[in-house]
Protein backbone atom coordinates (compact mmCIF):
# COMPACT_ATOMS: atom_id res chain seq x y z
CA MET A 1 -10.29 0.13 21.82
CA HIS A 2 -10.53 2.63 18.53
CA ARG A 3 -8.28 5.29 16.26
CA LEU A 4 -9.38 8.63 16.34
CA ARG A 5 -8.80 9.02 12.76
CA ARG A 6 -10.05 7.65 9.71
CA ALA A 7 -6.89 7.29 7.35
CA LYS A 8 -4.47 4.07 8.43
CA ILE A 9 -0.74 3.29 9.13
CA VAL A 10 1.28 1.20 7.52
CA ALA A 11 4.44 0.40 9.55
CA THR A 12 7.44 -1.72 8.12
CA VAL A 13 8.84 -4.32 10.08
CA GLY A 14 12.71 -4.69 10.54
CA PRO A 15 15.64 -4.97 13.13
CA ALA A 16 14.37 -1.93 15.21
CA SER A 17 11.06 -3.18 15.57
CA ASN A 18 10.66 -6.97 15.06
CA SER A 19 10.63 -7.66 19.08
CA PRO A 20 7.14 -8.34 20.50
CA GLU A 21 7.66 -5.70 23.14
CA MET A 22 8.27 -3.00 20.09
CA LEU A 23 5.80 -4.33 17.99
CA LYS A 24 3.13 -3.78 20.71
CA ALA A 25 4.00 -0.56 21.70
CA LEU A 26 4.02 0.43 17.40
CA PHE A 27 0.50 -0.97 17.30
CA LEU A 28 -0.52 1.16 20.21
CA ALA A 29 0.67 4.25 19.12
CA GLY A 30 -1.39 3.59 16.09
CA VAL A 31 0.00 0.88 13.65
CA ASP A 32 -3.01 -0.59 11.60
CA THR A 33 -0.92 -3.16 9.32
CA PHE A 34 2.13 -4.52 9.55
CA ARG A 35 4.42 -4.50 6.21
CA LEU A 36 6.80 -7.78 6.10
CA ASN A 37 9.16 -6.73 3.44
CA PHE A 38 10.68 -10.12 1.91
CA SER A 39 13.80 -7.86 0.49
CA HIS A 40 15.67 -8.79 4.09
CA GLY A 41 15.40 -11.22 6.41
CA SER A 42 14.92 -15.34 6.12
CA HIS A 43 11.69 -17.06 6.41
CA ASP A 44 12.10 -17.84 9.79
CA ASP A 45 12.47 -13.81 10.72
CA HIS A 46 9.16 -13.33 9.11
CA ALA A 47 7.56 -16.45 10.69
CA ARG A 48 8.58 -15.27 14.31
CA VAL A 49 7.53 -11.82 13.51
CA HIS A 50 3.80 -13.04 11.98
CA ALA A 51 3.54 -14.97 15.19
CA ALA A 52 4.39 -11.96 17.25
CA ILE A 53 1.52 -9.82 15.73
CA ARG A 54 -1.44 -13.26 15.69
CA ALA A 55 -0.32 -12.99 19.14
CA LEU A 56 -0.52 -9.65 19.66
CA GLU A 57 -4.00 -9.71 17.88
CA GLN A 58 -5.05 -12.43 20.68
CA GLU A 59 -3.74 -9.88 23.80
CA VAL A 60 -5.51 -6.60 22.63
CA GLY A 61 -8.68 -7.95 21.14
CA ARG A 62 -8.28 -6.17 17.94
CA PRO A 63 -7.55 -7.20 14.15
CA ILE A 64 -4.43 -6.77 12.96
CA GLY A 65 -3.54 -6.49 9.05
CA ILE A 66 -0.45 -8.14 7.81
CA LEU A 67 1.34 -7.12 4.57
CA GLN A 68 3.92 -9.47 2.61
CA ASP A 69 5.84 -7.02 0.47
CA LEU A 70 7.35 -9.30 -2.70
CA GLN A 71 11.04 -8.17 -3.69
CA GLY A 72 10.35 -8.65 -7.38
CA PRO A 73 12.94 -8.60 -9.94
CA LYS A 74 16.10 -7.02 -9.01
CA ILE A 75 18.31 -5.40 -12.12
CA ARG A 76 21.73 -4.82 -11.16
CA VAL A 77 25.04 -4.61 -12.61
CA GLY A 78 27.56 -7.22 -12.20
CA THR A 79 30.92 -7.37 -10.62
CA ILE A 80 33.57 -4.40 -11.37
CA ARG A 81 37.32 -4.57 -11.56
CA ASP A 82 38.55 -2.80 -7.98
CA GLY A 83 35.02 -2.66 -7.60
CA ARG A 84 34.17 0.71 -8.87
CA ILE A 85 34.20 2.97 -12.21
CA LYS A 86 34.01 6.46 -12.31
CA VAL A 87 32.74 7.72 -15.68
CA GLU A 88 31.95 11.11 -16.76
CA ALA A 89 29.77 13.12 -19.04
CA GLY A 90 30.48 12.80 -22.41
CA GLU A 91 32.40 9.31 -22.34
CA THR A 92 30.92 6.35 -24.43
CA ILE A 93 30.74 3.06 -22.27
CA ARG A 94 29.89 -0.56 -23.00
CA PHE A 95 27.51 -2.92 -21.32
CA VAL A 96 27.73 -6.82 -21.78
CA GLN A 97 25.54 -9.65 -21.26
CA HIS A 98 28.48 -12.11 -20.45
CA GLY A 99 31.60 -11.53 -18.06
CA THR A 100 32.86 -10.08 -15.03
CA ASP A 101 35.65 -8.46 -13.02
CA GLY A 102 34.39 -5.71 -15.95
CA ASP A 103 35.37 -2.23 -17.11
CA ARG A 104 34.07 0.61 -18.72
CA ASP A 105 34.27 -0.90 -22.10
CA ALA A 106 32.71 -4.32 -20.54
CA ILE A 107 30.35 -3.50 -17.59
CA PRO A 108 28.27 -6.92 -16.71
CA LEU A 109 24.81 -6.34 -16.68
CA PRO A 110 23.63 -10.14 -16.61
CA HIS A 111 19.84 -9.49 -17.75
CA PRO A 112 19.25 -10.71 -21.18
CA GLU A 113 15.67 -9.52 -21.25
CA ILE A 114 17.14 -6.03 -21.44
CA PHE A 115 19.31 -6.75 -24.21
CA ALA A 116 16.09 -7.87 -26.15
CA ALA A 117 14.13 -4.68 -25.47
CA VAL A 118 16.10 -1.64 -25.37
CA LEU A 119 16.27 0.67 -28.30
CA PRO A 120 18.86 3.46 -29.12
CA GLY A 121 17.63 6.57 -27.58
CA HIS A 122 16.53 4.82 -23.94
CA ASP A 123 17.91 5.94 -20.97
CA LEU A 124 19.63 3.95 -18.51
CA LEU A 125 19.96 4.69 -14.92
CA ILE A 126 22.15 3.35 -12.17
CA ASP A 127 22.20 3.39 -8.44
CA ASP A 128 18.70 5.26 -8.14
CA GLY A 129 19.46 7.25 -10.93
CA LYS A 130 22.45 9.19 -9.52
CA LEU A 131 23.92 8.27 -13.00
CA ARG A 132 22.13 8.51 -16.58
CA VAL A 133 23.33 7.22 -19.86
CA LYS A 134 21.34 7.02 -22.69
CA ILE A 135 22.13 4.13 -25.14
CA THR A 136 23.46 4.50 -28.73
CA GLY A 137 24.05 1.37 -30.07
CA LEU A 138 23.37 -2.57 -29.24
CA GLY A 139 23.86 -5.89 -30.94
CA ALA A 140 22.62 -9.20 -29.48
CA ASP A 141 25.14 -9.05 -26.25
CA TRP A 142 26.36 -5.68 -25.62
CA ILE A 143 25.14 -1.94 -25.40
CA GLU A 144 26.87 1.35 -26.09
CA ALA A 145 25.67 4.05 -24.18
CA ARG A 146 26.82 7.66 -23.69
CA VAL A 147 26.79 8.93 -20.13
CA ILE A 148 24.52 12.11 -19.37
CA THR A 149 25.04 12.42 -15.76
CA GLY A 150 28.47 10.80 -14.60
CA GLY A 151 29.50 9.56 -11.08
CA VAL A 152 30.48 6.42 -10.04
CA ILE A 153 29.54 3.06 -11.29
CA SER A 154 30.23 0.31 -8.47
CA ASN A 155 29.19 -3.41 -7.50
CA ARG A 156 25.63 -4.82 -7.56
CA LYS A 157 24.28 -1.40 -8.21
CA GLY A 158 20.29 -1.13 -9.40
CA VAL A 159 19.18 -0.28 -12.64
CA ASN A 160 15.97 1.33 -13.84
CA LEU A 161 14.84 1.47 -17.32
CA PRO A 162 12.41 3.76 -17.36
CA ASP A 163 11.81 3.84 -21.47
CA THR A 164 11.94 0.17 -21.90
CA LEU A 165 9.07 -2.45 -21.50
CA LEU A 166 10.69 -5.82 -19.98
CA GLU A 167 9.23 -9.04 -21.09
CA LEU A 168 9.68 -10.23 -17.04
CA SER A 169 7.50 -12.04 -14.68
CA PRO A 170 7.09 -9.79 -11.53
CA LEU A 171 7.85 -13.08 -9.78
CA THR A 172 10.92 -14.58 -9.75
CA PRO A 173 11.87 -17.76 -7.89
CA LYS A 174 12.75 -16.20 -5.08
CA ASP A 175 9.36 -14.39 -4.92
CA ARG A 176 7.46 -17.44 -5.67
CA ALA A 177 9.11 -19.06 -2.98
CA ASP A 178 8.43 -16.60 -0.55
CA LEU A 179 4.93 -15.79 -1.86
CA ALA A 180 4.05 -19.56 -0.81
CA PHE A 181 5.72 -19.49 2.57
CA GLY A 182 3.32 -15.76 3.34
CA LEU A 183 0.33 -17.59 2.52
CA SER A 184 1.36 -20.69 4.43
CA LEU A 185 1.47 -18.45 7.30
CA GLY A 186 -1.83 -16.36 6.54
CA VAL A 187 -0.55 -12.61 5.56
CA ASP A 188 -3.82 -10.65 4.91
CA TRP A 189 -2.17 -8.77 1.84
CA VAL A 190 0.69 -9.78 -0.95
CA ALA A 191 2.33 -6.69 -2.31
CA LEU A 192 3.20 -7.16 -6.27
CA SER A 193 6.98 -5.36 -7.09
CA PHE A 194 7.47 -3.97 -10.33
CA VAL A 195 4.24 -4.08 -11.93
CA GLN A 196 4.51 -2.92 -15.65
CA LYS A 197 1.13 -4.42 -17.36
CA PRO A 198 -2.34 -6.00 -16.00
CA GLY A 199 -0.55 -9.27 -17.03
CA ASP A 200 1.00 -9.06 -14.37
CA LEU A 201 -1.88 -9.22 -11.79
CA ILE A 202 -3.18 -12.00 -13.21
CA GLU A 203 -0.52 -13.98 -13.01
CA ALA A 204 0.00 -13.56 -9.42
CA ARG A 205 -3.79 -13.97 -9.00
CA GLY A 206 -3.46 -17.59 -10.28
CA LEU A 207 -1.14 -18.07 -7.56
CA ILE A 208 -2.92 -16.94 -4.65
CA GLY A 209 -6.63 -16.84 -5.27
CA ASP A 210 -8.42 -15.56 -2.88
CA ARG A 211 -6.24 -16.77 -0.02
CA ALA A 212 -5.01 -12.57 0.38
CA GLY A 213 -5.60 -9.38 -1.05
CA LEU A 214 -3.68 -9.11 -3.84
CA LEU A 215 -1.96 -5.16 -4.07
CA ALA A 216 0.11 -3.52 -6.96
CA LYS A 217 2.85 -1.44 -6.35
CA ILE A 218 2.93 1.56 -8.81
CA GLU A 219 6.67 2.32 -9.25
CA LYS A 220 7.10 1.77 -13.59
CA PRO A 221 6.34 4.52 -15.91
CA SER A 222 4.46 1.40 -18.01
CA ALA A 223 2.08 1.21 -14.92
CA LEU A 224 0.97 4.31 -15.27
CA ASP A 225 0.26 3.76 -18.93
CA HIS A 226 -2.12 0.78 -18.27
CA ILE A 227 -3.41 1.91 -14.50
CA ASP A 228 -7.16 1.70 -14.90
CA ASP A 229 -7.00 -2.35 -16.06
CA ILE A 230 -4.00 -2.94 -13.09
CA ILE A 231 -6.52 -1.04 -10.53
CA ARG A 232 -9.49 -3.19 -11.58
CA LEU A 233 -7.35 -6.28 -11.16
CA ALA A 234 -6.04 -5.38 -7.77
CA ASP A 235 -7.19 -5.50 -4.72
CA ALA A 236 -5.62 -2.44 -3.28
CA VAL A 237 -2.48 0.04 -4.81
CA MET A 238 0.47 1.42 -3.14
CA VAL A 239 1.70 4.73 -4.75
CA ALA A 240 5.34 3.36 -4.06
CA ARG A 241 7.40 6.79 -4.65
CA GLY A 242 10.87 5.47 -4.38
CA ASP A 243 11.35 3.50 -7.49
CA LEU A 244 8.76 5.47 -9.44
CA GLY A 245 10.76 8.96 -8.51
CA VAL A 246 13.51 7.66 -10.11
CA GLU A 247 11.97 6.43 -13.25
CA ILE A 248 9.96 9.56 -13.93
CA PRO A 249 10.49 13.11 -13.33
CA HIS A 250 10.59 14.21 -9.71
CA GLU A 251 8.35 16.70 -10.58
CA ASP A 252 5.58 14.50 -11.76
CA VAL A 253 5.35 12.47 -8.97
CA PRO A 254 3.47 14.74 -6.92
CA GLY A 255 0.19 15.08 -9.46
CA ARG A 256 0.32 11.39 -10.11
CA GLN A 257 -0.05 10.62 -6.63
CA LYS A 258 -3.03 12.22 -6.73
CA GLU A 259 -4.30 10.80 -9.94
CA LEU A 260 -3.62 7.14 -8.31
CA VAL A 261 -5.51 8.35 -5.05
CA ARG A 262 -8.64 9.65 -6.85
CA ALA A 263 -8.44 6.33 -9.27
CA CYS A 264 -8.37 4.09 -6.45
CA ARG A 265 -11.42 6.08 -4.87
CA LEU A 266 -13.33 6.05 -7.74
CA ALA A 267 -12.68 1.99 -8.40
CA VAL A 268 -12.92 1.35 -4.21
CA LYS A 269 -10.39 -0.20 -4.11
CA PRO A 270 -7.88 1.08 -1.07
CA VAL A 271 -4.49 3.45 -1.87
CA ILE A 272 -1.78 3.56 0.49
CA VAL A 273 0.74 6.59 -0.09
CA ALA A 274 4.46 5.42 0.90
CA THR A 275 8.50 5.54 0.76
CA GLN A 276 10.24 8.29 2.53
CA MET A 277 7.49 10.15 4.36
CA LEU A 278 9.43 10.73 7.58
CA ASP A 279 12.78 10.04 6.13
CA SER A 280 15.05 12.19 8.22
CA MET A 281 12.98 10.16 11.67
CA VAL A 282 15.23 7.31 10.79
CA ALA A 283 18.51 9.63 12.39
CA ALA A 284 16.30 11.88 14.19
CA PRO A 285 13.38 12.54 16.86
CA THR A 286 11.52 14.98 14.36
CA PRO A 287 10.68 15.02 11.05
CA THR A 288 11.27 17.87 8.75
CA ARG A 289 8.44 20.27 7.83
CA ALA A 290 8.28 19.66 4.52
CA GLU A 291 7.91 15.35 5.37
CA ALA A 292 4.81 16.45 8.05
CA SER A 293 3.56 18.29 4.93
CA ASP A 294 4.15 15.52 2.89
CA VAL A 295 1.87 13.30 5.32
CA ALA A 296 -0.48 15.74 5.45
CA THR A 297 -0.88 16.35 1.50
CA ALA A 298 -1.94 12.61 1.27
CA ILE A 299 -4.25 12.73 3.91
CA TYR A 300 -5.74 15.91 1.93
CA ASP A 301 -5.82 13.78 -1.07
CA GLY A 302 -7.97 11.32 0.34
CA ALA A 303 -5.38 8.53 0.62
CA ASP A 304 -6.45 5.43 2.69
CA ALA A 305 -3.42 4.63 4.38
CA VAL A 306 0.54 5.99 4.64
CA MET A 307 3.31 4.18 5.19
CA LEU A 308 6.04 3.87 7.07
CA SER A 309 9.29 2.16 5.16
CA ALA A 310 12.87 2.82 6.84
CA GLU A 311 11.77 5.01 9.82
CA SER A 312 10.17 1.79 11.64
CA ALA A 313 12.39 -1.04 10.26
CA ALA A 314 15.47 0.52 10.40
CA GLY A 315 15.66 3.99 12.42
CA SER A 316 16.63 4.81 15.94
CA TYR A 317 12.92 6.04 16.62
CA PRO A 318 10.69 3.79 15.27
CA ARG A 319 8.00 4.41 18.07
CA GLU A 320 8.04 7.98 17.49
CA ALA A 321 7.72 7.85 14.18
CA VAL A 322 4.35 5.99 14.52
CA GLU A 323 3.08 8.75 17.04
CA MET A 324 3.89 11.31 15.06
CA MET A 325 2.33 10.03 11.84
CA ASP A 326 -0.88 9.50 14.14
CA ARG A 327 -0.56 13.31 15.25
CA ILE A 328 -0.21 14.35 11.67
CA ILE A 329 -3.07 12.25 10.36
CA ARG A 330 -5.47 13.76 13.65
CA SER A 331 -4.47 16.99 13.26
CA THR A 332 -5.19 17.25 9.26
CA GLU A 333 -8.39 15.84 9.58
CA HIS A 334 -9.45 17.56 12.03
CA HIS A 335 -8.36 20.95 9.94
CA LYS A 336 -11.25 23.64 8.88
CA LEU A 337 -10.15 22.54 5.52
CA TYR A 338 -9.98 19.07 5.58
CA ARG A 339 -13.92 18.27 4.59
CA SER A 340 -14.25 20.63 1.86
CA LEU A 341 -11.03 19.50 0.04
CA ILE A 342 -12.15 15.61 0.27
CA SER A 343 -15.45 16.74 -0.98
CA VAL A 344 -14.33 18.70 -3.95
CA SER A 345 -12.32 15.61 -4.69
CA GLU A 346 -15.41 13.22 -4.38
CA PRO A 347 -16.12 10.80 -7.29
CA GLN A 348 -19.87 10.84 -8.81
CA VAL A 349 -22.24 8.20 -7.26
CA GLU A 350 -22.52 5.02 -9.81
CA ARG A 351 -25.20 4.36 -10.82
CA THR A 352 -25.92 1.22 -9.31
CA PRO A 353 -28.16 0.54 -6.31
CA PRO A 354 -25.34 -0.71 -4.16
CA HIS A 355 -23.51 2.34 -4.24
CA ALA A 356 -26.24 4.23 -4.20
CA VAL A 357 -27.51 2.19 -0.82
CA ALA A 358 -23.64 3.01 0.09
CA ALA A 359 -23.58 6.62 -0.61
CA ALA A 360 -26.95 7.30 0.51
CA ALA A 361 -26.22 5.75 3.91
CA ALA A 362 -23.14 8.45 4.51
CA THR A 363 -25.39 11.25 3.79
CA LEU A 364 -27.90 9.96 6.07
CA ALA A 365 -25.04 9.20 8.94
CA ASP A 366 -23.83 12.80 8.66
CA ALA A 367 -27.89 14.57 8.24
CA ILE A 368 -28.68 12.88 11.61
CA ASP A 369 -25.48 13.38 13.45
CA ALA A 370 -25.17 9.49 13.92
CA PRO A 371 -22.11 8.74 15.86
CA ALA A 372 -20.91 5.53 13.34
CA ILE A 373 -22.51 3.65 10.35
CA VAL A 374 -22.74 -0.16 11.10
CA ALA A 375 -21.70 -1.96 7.65
CA TYR A 376 -22.46 -5.55 7.70
CA THR A 377 -19.88 -6.65 5.08
CA HIS A 378 -19.15 -10.56 4.03
CA SER A 379 -16.46 -9.48 1.56
CA GLY A 380 -15.29 -5.90 2.73
CA THR A 381 -17.33 -4.89 -0.17
CA THR A 382 -20.06 -2.94 1.68
CA ALA A 383 -17.74 -1.20 3.88
CA ALA A 384 -15.46 0.10 0.77
CA ARG A 385 -18.47 1.28 -1.10
CA ILE A 386 -19.06 3.80 2.14
CA ALA A 387 -15.79 4.63 2.49
CA ARG A 388 -15.95 5.37 -0.94
CA LYS A 389 -18.29 8.33 0.47
CA ARG A 390 -15.69 9.71 2.99
CA PRO A 391 -18.42 10.24 5.39
CA GLU A 392 -17.81 12.17 8.64
CA VAL A 393 -18.29 9.48 10.79
CA PRO A 394 -16.69 6.21 11.78
CA ILE A 395 -17.51 2.70 9.74
CA LEU A 396 -18.02 -0.07 12.34
CA ALA A 397 -17.34 -2.65 9.92
CA LEU A 398 -19.20 -6.28 11.06
CA THR A 399 -17.75 -9.43 9.23
CA PRO A 400 -17.85 -13.23 10.24
CA GLU A 401 -14.36 -13.49 8.32
CA ILE A 402 -11.62 -12.65 10.43
CA ALA A 403 -9.38 -12.40 7.10
CA VAL A 404 -11.89 -10.07 6.06
CA ALA A 405 -11.52 -7.71 9.66
CA ARG A 406 -7.95 -8.30 8.96
CA ARG A 407 -7.39 -6.82 5.51
CA LEU A 408 -10.25 -4.22 6.52
CA CYS A 409 -7.35 -2.45 8.49
CA LEU A 410 -6.27 -0.46 5.18
CA LEU A 411 -9.73 1.07 4.39
CA TRP A 412 -10.30 4.33 4.94
CA GLY A 413 -12.28 5.35 8.32
CA ALA A 414 -12.77 1.41 8.93
CA HIS A 415 -13.09 -0.21 12.75
CA SER A 416 -13.26 -3.64 12.19
CA VAL A 417 -14.75 -6.53 13.92
CA GLN A 418 -15.25 -10.16 13.43
CA SER A 419 -18.60 -10.65 14.74
CA ALA A 420 -20.99 -14.28 14.45
CA PRO A 421 -23.28 -14.06 11.36
CA VAL A 422 -26.64 -13.21 11.27
CA SER A 423 -29.80 -14.87 9.79
CA THR A 424 -32.60 -12.39 10.25
CA TYR A 425 -33.36 -8.83 10.36
CA GLU A 426 -33.89 -8.68 13.94
CA ASP A 427 -30.89 -10.15 14.75
CA MET A 428 -28.52 -7.90 12.71
CA VAL A 429 -30.29 -4.63 14.34
CA SER A 430 -29.86 -5.51 17.69
CA HIS A 431 -25.95 -7.15 16.98
CA ALA A 432 -25.40 -3.62 15.51
CA GLU A 433 -26.74 -1.99 18.46
CA GLU A 434 -25.13 -4.16 21.29
CA ILE A 435 -21.50 -4.01 19.51
CA ALA A 436 -21.93 -0.51 18.21
CA LEU A 437 -22.21 0.24 21.89
CA GLY A 438 -19.51 -2.51 23.53
CA GLU A 439 -17.20 -0.87 20.79
CA GLY A 440 -17.45 2.64 22.22
CA PHE A 441 -19.43 4.04 18.98
CA GLY A 442 -22.57 5.46 20.65
CA GLN A 443 -24.15 6.34 23.80
CA PRO A 444 -27.80 5.24 24.69
CA ALA A 445 -30.37 6.85 22.56
CA ASP A 446 -28.11 7.91 20.05
CA HIS A 447 -29.57 6.80 16.50
CA ILE A 448 -27.30 4.69 14.17
CA VAL A 449 -27.28 4.22 10.37
CA VAL A 450 -26.93 0.06 10.01
CA VAL A 451 -26.19 -1.03 6.21
CA SER A 452 -26.30 -4.34 5.08
CA GLY A 453 -27.14 -6.88 2.18
CA ILE A 454 -29.74 -9.12 2.07
CA PRO A 455 -29.93 -12.26 1.83
CA PHE A 456 -27.53 -12.37 4.58
CA GLY A 457 -23.84 -13.94 4.01
CA ARG A 458 -23.84 -12.57 -0.03
CA ALA A 459 -21.03 -11.08 -1.01
CA GLY A 460 -21.44 -7.28 -2.90
CA THR A 461 -25.44 -7.17 -2.27
CA THR A 462 -25.63 -3.67 -0.51
CA ASN A 463 -29.39 -2.75 -0.80
CA ASN A 464 -30.39 -2.28 2.91
CA ILE A 465 -30.46 0.56 5.22
CA ARG A 466 -31.78 1.14 8.96
CA VAL A 467 -31.95 3.85 11.28
CA THR A 468 -31.83 2.22 14.80
CA ARG A 469 -31.62 3.81 18.44
CA LEU A 470 -29.16 2.43 20.91
CA PRO A 471 -31.37 1.04 23.79
CA GLY A 472 -30.76 1.83 27.37
C-alpha cells in the first residue's frame, strides 16, 4: 500500500487513540508517523503504545515512524492564596522567587534563572498570553511589573518570556529520564522542546548520538534569531505554532511559517507544521473552512508533514480528523496551482555533484513520465536531496536500515522500503525493478529512474542515475 499524496501526516497518540484498534484505524486513514507526547502519560503507557505500533508495522508490512516529544522546561507560577488572583490593567504586582500561598504582592515564581535574566521593559506573559505584564523593577529575588492586559492568575499557570534568553537547559531531569526510556524503546525521532540556541541541540545530540533523529521545535523568538545554525544542527524541524504564537505577534506567525518551511527545504531537512490545524475537530466531526485552508497553506508552502495534536490524542473524532487531513492534502496537491506554487519556492540547486544528480533525476523522471524515482539510500540523504526538488512523481526509497526507513516516514514524497543491501550494479537495477513492480509503482514496460551512490553502502555519495525499463 502507498499513499496517494506526497506530504505526510503526524498524529499524536493519547487517550482517544492509544488502543491497538484505533492505532490501526488511524494508520489506515493516513497516519505516517505517530507522536508520543511525554508531557502526558507514564512510561508504561508509552511502552504499550510503542509495542502496539511495532506490532501494527509487522501486520501491515510498512515502516511506521514514532516521534518522542519531550516536555522541556515548563515555567509556571506557584500556588496562589485561594487559588486565583484577579488583576486589572494599570496596577502593579510583584513576583517573588521564594514562597507559597501568594497574593498580588508576592506571586510565587520559583525559577531563579528568570530573576537572573530579565530586565526592565521585558514582557512576561501568563496563561498562554492571556495576561501580559511589563517588568518595571527587579531585585535578586523579586520582580515588580505593571499589568498591561488584566485577567485571572491561578495556580500553576504557564509563563512565557518572549524578550528574555534564559540560561536554561532544554533537557530537564524528567526529560533526561524520558529520553533514556524512549531510546531504550527504539523511537525514531526525538523532538526537543523550547530550543533557544544552537548549543541546546549540541547538548541533546551528545545524549542521542545516532540512535534517533533529532528534531528541533521552533517555539521561541530566540530560536528564530539563530535559525540557520539550529536547522544545520537538527535532523528535522517542527514549526510549533502554539508557544511561538504566544511569544511573537499573531500576525507574524504565517510569515515565519513560510520562512521556516523554505529554509528547511533549502537545507534538505524535513519540516513539520503543527498546532491547532484542525482544532475544532476535537469536538466536531468537521473542521472550519479556515482550518481546512490552514492545512492547505502548509501544503502549498511545501511542508514535509502536517500534525494533529489534541484532535487525535483527546478528541471525539480522531479517525475523522486524519481522514479529513488526508483529503485536504490530496485535494491541494492535485489543484491546478499547486505545481506552480511549489516550483516558485524551489531553492537553487547547490553546486555539488550529489545535489546536481538528485535534481537531475527529478527533472529526468518528469521528462520521461516515469511513474517513480527509485532512490537507494543508506542514511536517507539521497532520498531527501531528491525530495528537495519536489518532483511530480513519488520517491521509492530503498534502504537496508529499518531505522532509516522509519525516519523517512516524515519526508515529503518518500515511500520507504527496507530492502536487502546490493553489492553490484546489476543487482541494483534488477532489485529496483522488482520492488517498483511489487510495491505498485509502475507497470511492465514503464521506465523508472534509479538513483544511487557508488560505492554502495556509503552514506551521502549520490552520484549515479540509471533509466531502466520494467520487465514483463
